[in-house]
Amino acid sequence: MPGEVGKYRSIRFIETTHAKIWEGAGSGTTTGMRNDGSNCDVYGCLFFAKDAYGIVPLEKGSARTIVHRGGSTSDPLNQRNTVGWKHAATLAILNDEYMVRLETTASN
């Protein structure tokens, strides 16, 4: 899987930049722990079991790339162009008991 950094038994560990970090939210400081100078930082680790959530299929073609090129009377030197995308998707939690959030600190 993209971002997979290892596994233990049936648990696969996926690295992401989307996980929540609560800076200075821990109680007290500990030598070697990342912290804001007064309290330890807390990192959220999410665990999902099979069938914890489902992806609701939407209409094909719901993803669009939108390109606006410069060169109008308001932009005669073609200095401004924009590119963006939008996609319609939705997820549903199927079973709350199949999801766990573990909060930890980490050493430097």
PDB file of N, CA and C in Angstrom:
ATOM      1  N   MET A   1       0.830  -1.174   0.000  1.00  0.00           N
ATOM      2  CA  MET A   1       0.000   0.000   0.000  1.00  0.00           C
ATOM      3  C   MET A   1       0.880   1.245   0.000  1.00  0.00           C
ATOM      4  N   PRO A   2       0.497   2.308  -0.693  1.00  0.00           N
ATOM      5  CA  PRO A   2       1.302   3.539  -0.653  1.00  0.00           C
ATOM      6  C   PRO A   2       1.410   4.062   0.779  1.00  0.00           C
ATOM      7  N   GLY A   3       2.615   4.395   1.207  1.00  0.00           N
ATOM      8  CA  GLY A   3       2.834   4.919   2.550  1.00  0.00           C
ATOM      9  C   GLY A   3       2.996   3.862   3.622  1.00  0.00           C
ATOM     10  N   GLU A   4       2.921   2.577   3.253  1.00  0.00           N
ATOM     11  CA  GLU A   4       3.048   1.516   4.250  1.00  0.00           C
ATOM     12  C   GLU A   4       4.492   1.440   4.741  1.00  0.00           C
ATOM     13  N   VAL A   5       4.663   1.459   6.074  1.00  0.00           N
ATOM     14  CA  VAL A   5       6.009   1.434   6.647  1.00  0.00           C
ATOM     15  C   VAL A   5       6.301   0.142   7.396  1.00  0.00           C
ATOM     16  N   GLY A   6       5.335  -0.745   7.486  1.00  0.00           N
ATOM     17  CA  GLY A   6       5.566  -2.018   8.152  1.00  0.00           C
ATOM     18  C   GLY A   6       4.264  -2.649   8.581  1.00  0.00           C
ATOM     19  N   LYS A   7       4.399  -3.827   9.186  1.00  0.00           N
ATOM     20  CA  LYS A   7       3.207  -4.508   9.698  1.00  0.00           C
ATOM     21  C   LYS A   7       3.597  -5.370  10.880  1.00  0.00           C
ATOM     22  N   TYR A   8       2.613  -5.654  11.702  1.00  0.00           N
ATOM     23  CA  TYR A   8       2.766  -6.556  12.845  1.00  0.00           C
ATOM     24  C   TYR A   8       1.541  -7.436  12.875  1.00  0.00           C
ATOM     25  N   ARG A   9       1.731  -8.724  12.714  1.00  0.00           N
ATOM     26  CA  ARG A   9       0.639  -9.687  12.594  1.00  0.00           C
ATOM     27  C   ARG A   9      -0.324  -9.206  11.519  1.00  0.00           C
ATOM     28  N   SER A  10      -1.565  -8.908  11.850  1.00  0.00           N
ATOM     29  CA  SER A  10      -2.520  -8.488  10.819  1.00  0.00           C
ATOM     30  C   SER A  10      -2.714  -6.970  10.778  1.00  0.00           C
ATOM     31  N   ILE A  11      -1.850  -6.214  11.481  1.00  0.00           N
ATOM     32  CA  ILE A  11      -1.946  -4.751  11.486  1.00  0.00           C
ATOM     33  C   ILE A  11      -0.929  -4.185  10.515  1.00  0.00           C
ATOM     34  N   ARG A  12      -1.385  -3.345   9.592  1.00  0.00           N
ATOM     35  CA  ARG A  12      -0.500  -2.668   8.644  1.00  0.00           C
ATOM     36  C   ARG A  12      -0.372  -1.221   9.072  1.00  0.00           C
ATOM     37  N   PHE A  13       0.851  -0.682   9.087  1.00  0.00           N
ATOM     38  CA  PHE A  13       1.107   0.687   9.510  1.00  0.00           C
ATOM     39  C   PHE A  13       1.327   1.559   8.279  1.00  0.00           C
ATOM     40  N   ILE A  14       0.489   2.587   8.142  1.00  0.00           N
ATOM     41  CA  ILE A  14       0.533   3.487   6.998  1.00  0.00           C
ATOM     42  C   ILE A  14       0.939   4.873   7.491  1.00  0.00           C
ATOM     43  N   GLU A  15       1.948   5.455   6.875  1.00  0.00           N
ATOM     44  CA  GLU A  15       2.419   6.787   7.234  1.00  0.00           C
ATOM     45  C   GLU A  15       1.597   7.831   6.488  1.00  0.00           C
ATOM     46  N   THR A  16       1.218   8.905   7.191  1.00  0.00           N
ATOM     47  CA  THR A  16       0.427   9.963   6.565  1.00  0.00           C
ATOM     48  C   THR A  16       0.723  11.308   7.220  1.00  0.00           C
ATOM     49  N   THR A  17       0.488  12.372   6.491  1.00  0.00           N
ATOM     50  CA  THR A  17       0.606  13.711   7.050  1.00  0.00           C
ATOM     51  C   THR A  17      -0.748  14.225   7.517  1.00  0.00           C
ATOM     52  N   HIS A  18      -1.795  13.410   7.396  1.00  0.00           N
ATOM     53  CA  HIS A  18      -3.150  13.829   7.759  1.00  0.00           C
ATOM     54  C   HIS A  18      -3.538  13.480   9.196  1.00  0.00           C
ATOM     55  N   ALA A  19      -2.701  12.756   9.907  1.00  0.00           N
ATOM     56  CA  ALA A  19      -3.027  12.384  11.288  1.00  0.00           C
ATOM     57  C   ALA A  19      -2.929  13.612  12.193  1.00  0.00           C
ATOM     58  N   LYS A  20      -3.758  13.668  13.184  1.00  0.00           N
ATOM     59  CA  LYS A  20      -3.829  14.811  14.092  1.00  0.00           C
ATOM     60  C   LYS A  20      -2.665  14.801  15.078  1.00  0.00           C
ATOM     61  N   ILE A  21      -2.071  15.982  15.308  1.00  0.00           N
ATOM     62  CA  ILE A  21      -1.041  16.174  16.330  1.00  0.00           C
ATOM     63  C   ILE A  21      -1.525  17.289  17.246  1.00  0.00           C
ATOM     64  N   TRP A  22      -1.589  17.006  18.547  1.00  0.00           N
ATOM     65  CA  TRP A  22      -1.982  18.011  19.528  1.00  0.00           C
ATOM     66  C   TRP A  22      -0.704  18.493  20.202  1.00  0.00           C
ATOM     67  N   GLU A  23      -0.218  19.666  19.795  1.00  0.00           N
ATOM     68  CA  GLU A  23       1.032  20.191  20.343  1.00  0.00           C
ATOM     69  C   GLU A  23       0.835  20.639  21.780  1.00  0.00           C
ATOM     70  N   GLY A  24       1.704  20.130  22.670  1.00  0.00           N
ATOM     71  CA  GLY A  24       1.665  20.512  24.075  1.00  0.00           C
ATOM     72  C   GLY A  24       0.444  20.036  24.825  1.00  0.00           C
ATOM     73  N   ALA A  25      -0.258  19.029  24.311  1.00  0.00           N
ATOM     74  CA  ALA A  25      -1.497  18.573  24.948  1.00  0.00           C
ATOM     75  C   ALA A  25      -1.274  17.503  26.013  1.00  0.00           C
ATOM     76  N   GLY A  26      -0.064  16.923  26.075  1.00  0.00           N
ATOM     77  CA  GLY A  26       0.217  15.895  27.075  1.00  0.00           C
ATOM     78  C   GLY A  26       0.424  16.504  28.450  1.00  0.00           C
ATOM     79  N   SER A  27       0.407  15.669  29.456  1.00  0.00           N
ATOM     80  CA  SER A  27       0.610  16.174  30.818  1.00  0.00           C
ATOM     81  C   SER A  27       2.070  16.032  31.208  1.00  0.00           C
ATOM     82  N   GLY A  28       2.753  17.151  31.421  1.00  0.00           N
ATOM     83  CA  GLY A  28       4.137  17.142  31.849  1.00  0.00           C
ATOM     84  C   GLY A  28       5.107  16.923  30.713  1.00  0.00           C
ATOM     85  N   THR A  29       6.377  17.069  31.018  1.00  0.00           N
ATOM     86  CA  THR A  29       7.429  16.853  30.032  1.00  0.00           C
ATOM     87  C   THR A  29       8.200  15.603  30.393  1.00  0.00           C
ATOM     88  N   THR A  30       8.757  14.969  29.394  1.00  0.00           N
ATOM     89  CA  THR A  30       9.561  13.779  29.593  1.00  0.00           C
ATOM     90  C   THR A  30      10.821  13.925  28.758  1.00  0.00           C
ATOM     91  N   THR A  31      11.959  13.597  29.294  1.00  0.00           N
ATOM     92  CA  THR A  31      13.214  13.705  28.567  1.00  0.00           C
ATOM     93  C   THR A  31      13.143  12.874  27.291  1.00  0.00           C
ATOM     94  N   GLY A  32      13.520  13.480  26.174  1.00  0.00           N
ATOM     95  CA  GLY A  32      13.531  12.779  24.894  1.00  0.00           C
ATOM     96  C   GLY A  32      12.216  12.827  24.147  1.00  0.00           C
ATOM     97  N   MET A  33      11.164  13.373  24.739  1.00  0.00           N
ATOM     98  CA  MET A  33       9.874  13.458  24.058  1.00  0.00           C
ATOM     99  C   MET A  33       9.762  14.808  23.366  1.00  0.00           C
ATOM    100  N   ARG A  34       9.133  14.819  22.207  1.00  0.00           N
ATOM    101  CA  ARG A  34       8.870  16.091  21.531  1.00  0.00           C
ATOM    102  C   ARG A  34       7.878  16.870  22.369  1.00  0.00           C
ATOM    103  N   ASN A  35       8.155  18.146  22.567  1.00  0.00           N
ATOM    104  CA  ASN A  35       7.227  18.940  23.362  1.00  0.00           C
ATOM    105  C   ASN A  35       7.365  20.416  23.036  1.00  0.00           C
ATOM    106  N   ASP A  36       6.432  21.208  23.542  1.00  0.00           N
ATOM    107  CA  ASP A  36       6.429  22.655  23.298  1.00  0.00           C
ATOM    108  C   ASP A  36       7.178  23.412  24.377  1.00  0.00           C
ATOM    109  N   GLY A  37       7.910  22.717  25.238  1.00  0.00           N
ATOM    110  CA  GLY A  37       8.641  23.347  26.316  1.00  0.00           C
ATOM    111  C   GLY A  37       7.954  23.200  27.659  1.00  0.00           C
ATOM    112  N   SER A  38       6.660  22.919  27.647  1.00  0.00           N
ATOM    113  CA  SER A  38       5.951  22.746  28.917  1.00  0.00           C
ATOM    114  C   SER A  38       5.248  21.398  29.004  1.00  0.00           C
ATOM    115  N   ASN A  39       4.693  20.921  27.912  1.00  0.00           N
ATOM    116  CA  ASN A  39       3.989  19.633  27.897  1.00  0.00           C
ATOM    117  C   ASN A  39       4.354  18.846  26.644  1.00  0.00           C
ATOM    118  N   CYS A  40       4.212  17.528  26.707  1.00  0.00           N
ATOM    119  CA  CYS A  40       4.522  16.650  25.576  1.00  0.00           C
ATOM    120  C   CYS A  40       3.496  16.825  24.456  1.00  0.00           C
ATOM    121  N   ASP A  41       3.953  16.667  23.208  1.00  0.00           N
ATOM    122  CA  ASP A  41       3.043  16.621  22.067  1.00  0.00           C
ATOM    123  C   ASP A  41       2.357  15.260  22.054  1.00  0.00           C
ATOM    124  N   VAL A  42       1.112  15.222  21.595  1.00  0.00           N
ATOM    125  CA  VAL A  42       0.329  13.987  21.530  1.00  0.00           C
ATOM    126  C   VAL A  42      -0.002  13.698  20.061  1.00  0.00           C
ATOM    127  N   TYR A  43       0.246  12.455  19.637  1.00  0.00           N
ATOM    128  CA  TYR A  43       0.020  12.034  18.254  1.00  0.00           C
ATOM    129  C   TYR A  43      -1.144  11.051  18.200  1.00  0.00           C
ATOM    130  N   GLY A  44      -2.059  11.274  17.278  1.00  0.00           N
ATOM    131  CA  GLY A  44      -3.193  10.380  17.103  1.00  0.00           C
ATOM    132  C   GLY A  44      -2.872   9.273  16.117  1.00  0.00           C
ATOM    133  N   CYS A  45      -3.107   8.039  16.500  1.00  0.00           N
ATOM    134  CA  CYS A  45      -2.939   6.866  15.632  1.00  0.00           C
ATOM    135  C   CYS A  45      -4.316   6.232  15.463  1.00  0.00           C
ATOM    136  N   LEU A  46      -4.731   6.049  14.222  1.00  0.00           N
ATOM    137  CA  LEU A  46      -6.048   5.490  13.946  1.00  0.00           C
ATOM    138  C   LEU A  46      -5.918   4.043  13.494  1.00  0.00           C
ATOM    139  N   PHE A  47      -6.774   3.197  14.036  1.00  0.00           N
ATOM    140  CA  PHE A  47      -6.823   1.783  13.669  1.00  0.00           C
ATOM    141  C   PHE A  47      -8.217   1.481  13.138  1.00  0.00           C
ATOM    142  N   PHE A  48      -8.272   0.894  11.937  1.00  0.00           N
ATOM    143  CA  PHE A  48      -9.537   0.533  11.305  1.00  0.00           C
ATOM    144  C   PHE A  48      -9.532  -0.963  11.028  1.00  0.00           C
ATOM    145  N   ALA A  49     -10.544  -1.653  11.500  1.00  0.00           N
ATOM    146  CA  ALA A  49     -10.703  -3.072  11.171  1.00  0.00           C
ATOM    147  C   ALA A  49     -11.462  -3.182   9.846  1.00  0.00           C
ATOM    148  N   LYS A  50     -11.436  -4.356   9.285  1.00  0.00           N
ATOM    149  CA  LYS A  50     -12.163  -4.611   8.049  1.00  0.00           C
ATOM    150  C   LYS A  50     -13.641  -4.286   8.258  1.00  0.00           C
ATOM    151  N   ASP A  51     -14.246  -3.634   7.291  1.00  0.00           N
ATOM    152  CA  ASP A  51     -15.657  -3.254   7.294  1.00  0.00           C
ATOM    153  C   ASP A  51     -16.005  -2.202   8.349  1.00  0.00           C
ATOM    154  N   ALA A  52     -15.023  -1.426   8.818  1.00  0.00           N
ATOM    155  CA  ALA A  52     -15.300  -0.331   9.751  1.00  0.00           C
ATOM    156  C   ALA A  52     -16.006   0.811   9.041  1.00  0.00           C
ATOM    157  N   TYR A  53     -15.673   1.013   7.783  1.00  0.00           N
ATOM    158  CA  TYR A  53     -16.295   2.086   7.004  1.00  0.00           C
ATOM    159  C   TYR A  53     -16.553   1.594   5.588  1.00  0.00           C
ATOM    160  N   GLY A  54     -17.381   2.315   4.880  1.00  0.00           N
ATOM    161  CA  GLY A  54     -17.681   1.970   3.497  1.00  0.00           C
ATOM    162  C   GLY A  54     -17.648   3.214   2.634  1.00  0.00           C
ATOM    163  N   ILE A  55     -17.325   3.032   1.374  1.00  0.00           N
ATOM    164  CA  ILE A  55     -17.312   4.122   0.406  1.00  0.00           C
ATOM    165  C   ILE A  55     -18.598   4.019  -0.401  1.00  0.00           C
ATOM    166  N   VAL A  56     -19.339   5.103  -0.432  1.00  0.00           N
ATOM    167  CA  VAL A  56     -20.601   5.122  -1.164  1.00  0.00           C
ATOM    168  C   VAL A  56     -20.286   5.484  -2.613  1.00  0.00           C
ATOM    169  N   PRO A  57     -20.580   4.584  -3.554  1.00  0.00           N
ATOM    170  CA  PRO A  57     -20.273   4.889  -4.951  1.00  0.00           C
ATOM    171  C   PRO A  57     -21.200   5.991  -5.478  1.00  0.00           C
ATOM    172  N   LEU A  58     -20.599   6.963  -6.146  1.00  0.00           N
ATOM    173  CA  LEU A  58     -21.368   8.043  -6.743  1.00  0.00           C
ATOM    174  C   LEU A  58     -21.307   7.936  -8.255  1.00  0.00           C
ATOM    175  N   GLU A  59     -22.019   8.769  -8.898  1.00  0.00           N
ATOM    176  CA  GLU A  59     -22.114   8.787 -10.342  1.00  0.00           C
ATOM    177  C   GLU A  59     -20.736   8.900 -10.988  1.00  0.00           C
ATOM    178  N   LYS A  60     -20.506   8.140 -12.048  1.00  0.00           N
ATOM    179  CA  LYS A  60     -19.234   8.228 -12.769  1.00  0.00           C
ATOM    180  C   LYS A  60     -19.095   9.625 -13.357  1.00  0.00           C
ATOM    181  N   GLY A  61     -17.869  10.078 -13.432  1.00  0.00           N
ATOM    182  CA  GLY A  61     -17.616  11.398 -14.001  1.00  0.00           C
ATOM    183  C   GLY A  61     -17.815  12.527 -13.011  1.00  0.00           C
ATOM    184  N   SER A  62     -17.894  12.200 -11.714  1.00  0.00           N
ATOM    185  CA  SER A  62     -18.092  13.257 -10.726  1.00  0.00           C
ATOM    186  C   SER A  62     -16.808  14.045 -10.476  1.00  0.00           C
ATOM    187  N   ALA A  63     -15.656  13.496 -10.869  1.00  0.00           N
ATOM    188  CA  ALA A  63     -14.389  14.217 -10.713  1.00  0.00           C
ATOM    189  C   ALA A  63     -14.174  15.105 -11.937  1.00  0.00           C
ATOM    190  N   ARG A  64     -13.816  16.350 -11.674  1.00  0.00           N
ATOM    191  CA  ARG A  64     -13.595  17.292 -12.767  1.00  0.00           C
ATOM    192  C   ARG A  64     -12.332  18.097 -12.507  1.00  0.00           C
ATOM    193  N   THR A  65     -11.577  18.355 -13.566  1.00  0.00           N
ATOM    194  CA  THR A  65     -10.466  19.293 -13.509  1.00  0.00           C
ATOM    195  C   THR A  65     -10.932  20.567 -14.201  1.00  0.00           C
ATOM    196  N   ILE A  66     -10.729  21.694 -13.535  1.00  0.00           N
ATOM    197  CA  ILE A  66     -11.206  22.973 -14.050  1.00  0.00           C
ATOM    198  C   ILE A  66      -9.992  23.850 -14.328  1.00  0.00           C
ATOM    199  N   VAL A  67      -9.871  24.312 -15.573  1.00  0.00           N
ATOM    200  CA  VAL A  67      -8.741  25.137 -15.982  1.00  0.00           C
ATOM    201  C   VAL A  67      -9.284  26.468 -16.490  1.00  0.00           C
ATOM    202  N   HIS A  68      -8.777  27.566 -15.929  1.00  0.00           N
ATOM    203  CA  HIS A  68      -9.111  28.904 -16.412  1.00  0.00           C
ATOM    204  C   HIS A  68      -7.817  29.533 -16.904  1.00  0.00           C
ATOM    205  N   ARG A  69      -7.799  29.862 -18.157  1.00  0.00           N
ATOM    206  CA  ARG A  69      -6.605  30.459 -18.750  1.00  0.00           C
ATOM    207  C   ARG A  69      -6.744  31.980 -18.767  1.00  0.00           C
ATOM    208  N   GLY A  70      -5.604  32.668 -18.698  1.00  0.00           N
ATOM    209  CA  GLY A  70      -5.592  34.133 -18.739  1.00  0.00           C
ATOM    210  C   GLY A  70      -5.857  34.636 -20.142  1.00  0.00           C
ATOM    211  N   GLY A  71      -5.733  35.941 -20.304  1.00  0.00           N
ATOM    212  CA  GLY A  71      -5.847  36.501 -21.637  1.00  0.00           C
ATOM    213  C   GLY A  71      -7.161  37.208 -21.908  1.00  0.00           C
ATOM    214  N   SER A  72      -7.926  37.502 -20.881  1.00  0.00           N
ATOM    215  CA  SER A  72      -9.156  38.259 -21.095  1.00  0.00           C
ATOM    216  C   SER A  72      -8.829  39.749 -21.052  1.00  0.00           C
ATOM    217  N   THR A  73      -9.847  40.574 -21.218  1.00  0.00           N
ATOM    218  CA  THR A  73      -9.618  42.020 -21.150  1.00  0.00           C
ATOM    219  C   THR A  73      -9.168  42.443 -19.755  1.00  0.00           C
ATOM    220  N   SER A  74      -9.527  41.681 -18.723  1.00  0.00           N
ATOM    221  CA  SER A  74      -9.073  42.002 -17.371  1.00  0.00           C
ATOM    222  C   SER A  74      -7.656  41.484 -17.099  1.00  0.00           C
ATOM    223  N   ASP A  75      -7.129  40.618 -17.983  1.00  0.00           N
ATOM    224  CA  ASP A  75      -5.775  40.071 -17.835  1.00  0.00           C
ATOM    225  C   ASP A  75      -5.099  40.054 -19.212  1.00  0.00           C
ATOM    226  N   PRO A  76      -4.837  41.225 -19.804  1.00  0.00           N
ATOM    227  CA  PRO A  76      -4.337  41.271 -21.181  1.00  0.00           C
ATOM    228  C   PRO A  76      -2.929  40.696 -21.360  1.00  0.00           C
ATOM    229  N   LEU A  77      -2.156  40.528 -20.284  1.00  0.00           N
ATOM    230  CA  LEU A  77      -0.798  39.992 -20.415  1.00  0.00           C
ATOM    231  C   LEU A  77      -0.720  38.500 -20.077  1.00  0.00           C
ATOM    232  N   ASN A  78      -1.850  37.845 -19.956  1.00  0.00           N
ATOM    233  CA  ASN A  78      -1.898  36.403 -19.635  1.00  0.00           C
ATOM    234  C   ASN A  78      -1.111  36.068 -18.380  1.00  0.00           C
ATOM    235  N   GLN A  79      -1.269  36.865 -17.331  1.00  0.00           N
ATOM    236  CA  GLN A  79      -0.505  36.657 -16.097  1.00  0.00           C
ATOM    237  C   GLN A  79      -1.199  35.725 -15.115  1.00  0.00           C
ATOM    238  N   ARG A  80      -2.468  35.511 -15.252  1.00  0.00           N
ATOM    239  CA  ARG A  80      -3.197  34.716 -14.251  1.00  0.00           C
ATOM    240  C   ARG A  80      -3.885  33.523 -14.906  1.00  0.00           C
ATOM    241  N   ASN A  81      -3.498  32.346 -14.429  1.00  0.00           N
ATOM    242  CA  ASN A  81      -4.150  31.094 -14.824  1.00  0.00           C
ATOM    243  C   ASN A  81      -4.457  30.336 -13.554  1.00  0.00           C
ATOM    244  N   THR A  82      -5.521  29.591 -13.549  1.00  0.00           N
ATOM    245  CA  THR A  82      -5.837  28.761 -12.387  1.00  0.00           C
ATOM    246  C   THR A  82      -6.180  27.349 -12.839  1.00  0.00           C
ATOM    247  N   VAL A  83      -5.829  26.395 -11.983  1.00  0.00           N
ATOM    248  CA  VAL A  83      -6.188  24.997 -12.205  1.00  0.00           C
ATOM    249  C   VAL A  83      -6.682  24.459 -10.870  1.00  0.00           C
ATOM    250  N   GLY A  84      -7.781  23.755 -10.894  1.00  0.00           N
ATOM    251  CA  GLY A  84      -8.313  23.157  -9.685  1.00  0.00           C
ATOM    252  C   GLY A  84      -9.083  21.897 -10.033  1.00  0.00           C
ATOM    253  N   TRP A  85      -9.511  21.190  -9.013  1.00  0.00           N
ATOM    254  CA  TRP A  85     -10.313  20.003  -9.261  1.00  0.00           C
ATOM    255  C   TRP A  85     -11.343  19.858  -8.160  1.00  0.00           C
ATOM    256  N   LYS A  86     -12.413  19.178  -8.478  1.00  0.00           N
ATOM    257  CA  LYS A  86     -13.407  18.844  -7.470  1.00  0.00           C
ATOM    258  C   LYS A  86     -13.912  17.435  -7.746  1.00  0.00           C
ATOM    259  N   HIS A  87     -14.290  16.789  -6.671  1.00  0.00           N
ATOM    260  CA  HIS A  87     -14.698  15.389  -6.752  1.00  0.00           C
ATOM    261  C   HIS A  87     -15.768  15.144  -5.696  1.00  0.00           C
ATOM    262  N   ALA A  88     -16.834  14.547  -6.087  1.00  0.00           N
ATOM    263  CA  ALA A  88     -17.900  14.220  -5.148  1.00  0.00           C
ATOM    264  C   ALA A  88     -17.714  12.789  -4.658  1.00  0.00           C
ATOM    265  N   ALA A  89     -17.611  12.632  -3.359  1.00  0.00           N
ATOM    266  CA  ALA A  89     -17.468  11.305  -2.758  1.00  0.00           C
ATOM    267  C   ALA A  89     -18.009  11.364  -1.346  1.00  0.00           C
ATOM    268  N   THR A  90     -18.363  10.247  -0.826  1.00  0.00           N
ATOM    269  CA  THR A  90     -18.822  10.196   0.558  1.00  0.00           C
ATOM    270  C   THR A  90     -18.459   8.846   1.169  1.00  0.00           C
ATOM    271  N   LEU A  91     -18.260   8.853   2.472  1.00  0.00           N
ATOM    272  CA  LEU A  91     -17.955   7.644   3.222  1.00  0.00           C
ATOM    273  C   LEU A  91     -19.003   7.475   4.301  1.00  0.00           C
ATOM    274  N   ALA A  92     -19.172   6.273   4.757  1.00  0.00           N
ATOM    275  CA  ALA A  92     -20.115   5.996   5.839  1.00  0.00           C
ATOM    276  C   ALA A  92     -19.444   5.092   6.872  1.00  0.00           C
ATOM    277  N   ILE A  93     -19.601   5.437   8.144  1.00  0.00           N
ATOM    278  CA  ILE A  93     -19.111   4.570   9.218  1.00  0.00           C
ATOM    279  C   ILE A  93     -20.107   3.422   9.352  1.00  0.00           C
ATOM    280  N   LEU A  94     -19.597   2.204   9.224  1.00  0.00           N
ATOM    281  CA  LEU A  94     -20.460   1.027   9.296  1.00  0.00           C
ATOM    282  C   LEU A  94     -20.512   0.437  10.697  1.00  0.00           C
ATOM    283  N   ASN A  95     -19.392   0.534  11.432  1.00  0.00           N
ATOM    284  CA  ASN A  95     -19.360  -0.025  12.772  1.00  0.00           C
ATOM    285  C   ASN A  95     -18.327   0.720  13.613  1.00  0.00           C
ATOM    286  N   ASP A  96     -18.792   1.542  14.565  1.00  0.00           N
ATOM    287  CA  ASP A  96     -17.895   2.315  15.434  1.00  0.00           C
ATOM    288  C   ASP A  96     -16.955   1.426  16.238  1.00  0.00           C
ATOM    289  N   GLU A  97     -17.394   0.229  16.576  1.00  0.00           N
ATOM    290  CA  GLU A  97     -16.580  -0.666  17.394  1.00  0.00           C
ATOM    291  C   GLU A  97     -15.387  -1.232  16.638  1.00  0.00           C
ATOM    292  N   TYR A  98     -15.332  -1.016  15.333  1.00  0.00           N
ATOM    293  CA  TYR A  98     -14.214  -1.496  14.517  1.00  0.00           C
ATOM    294  C   TYR A  98     -13.162  -0.408  14.305  1.00  0.00           C
ATOM    295  N   MET A  99     -13.286   0.720  15.039  1.00  0.00           N
ATOM    296  CA  MET A  99     -12.331   1.819  14.916  1.00  0.00           C
ATOM    297  C   MET A  99     -11.829   2.216  16.295  1.00  0.00           C
ATOM    298  N   VAL A 100     -10.516   2.497  16.378  1.00  0.00           N
ATOM    299  CA  VAL A 100      -9.908   2.892  17.655  1.00  0.00           C
ATOM    300  C   VAL A 100      -8.924   4.029  17.376  1.00  0.00           C
ATOM    301  N   ARG A 101      -8.889   5.017  18.278  1.00  0.00           N
ATOM    302  CA  ARG A 101      -7.862   6.064  18.206  1.00  0.00           C
ATOM    303  C   ARG A 101      -6.940   5.897  19.404  1.00  0.00           C
ATOM    304  N   LEU A 102      -5.643   5.721  19.124  1.00  0.00           N
ATOM    305  CA  LEU A 102      -4.624   5.596  20.157  1.00  0.00           C
ATOM    306  C   LEU A 102      -3.848   6.906  20.191  1.00  0.00           C
ATOM    307  N   GLU A 103      -3.683   7.489  21.367  1.00  0.00           N
ATOM    308  CA  GLU A 103      -2.927   8.731  21.512  1.00  0.00           C
ATOM    309  C   GLU A 103      -1.615   8.442  22.214  1.00  0.00           C
ATOM    310  N   THR A 104      -0.504   8.880  21.593  1.00  0.00           N
ATOM    311  CA  THR A 104       0.830   8.566  22.105  1.00  0.00           C
ATOM    312  C   THR A 104       1.725   9.798  22.050  1.00  0.00           C
ATOM    313  N   THR A 105       2.905   9.700  22.663  1.00  0.00           N
ATOM    314  CA  THR A 105       3.977  10.642  22.447  1.00  0.00           C
ATOM    315  C   THR A 105       5.101   9.878  21.761  1.00  0.00           C
ATOM    316  N   ALA A 106       6.103  10.583  21.246  1.00  0.00           N
ATOM    317  CA  ALA A 106       7.207   9.915  20.553  1.00  0.00           C
ATOM    318  C   ALA A 106       8.520  10.555  20.948  1.00  0.00           C
ATOM    319  N   SER A 107       9.567   9.761  21.025  1.00  0.00           N
ATOM    320  CA  SER A 107      10.882  10.296  21.376  1.00  0.00           C
ATOM    321  C   SER A 107      11.557  10.846  20.129  1.00  0.00           C
ATOM    322  N   ASN A 108      12.454  11.803  20.335  1.00  0.00           N
ATOM    323  CA  ASN A 108      13.204  12.417  19.218  1.00  0.00           C
ATOM    324  C   ASN A 108      14.206  11.456  18.656  1.00  0.00           C
TER     325      ASN A 108
END
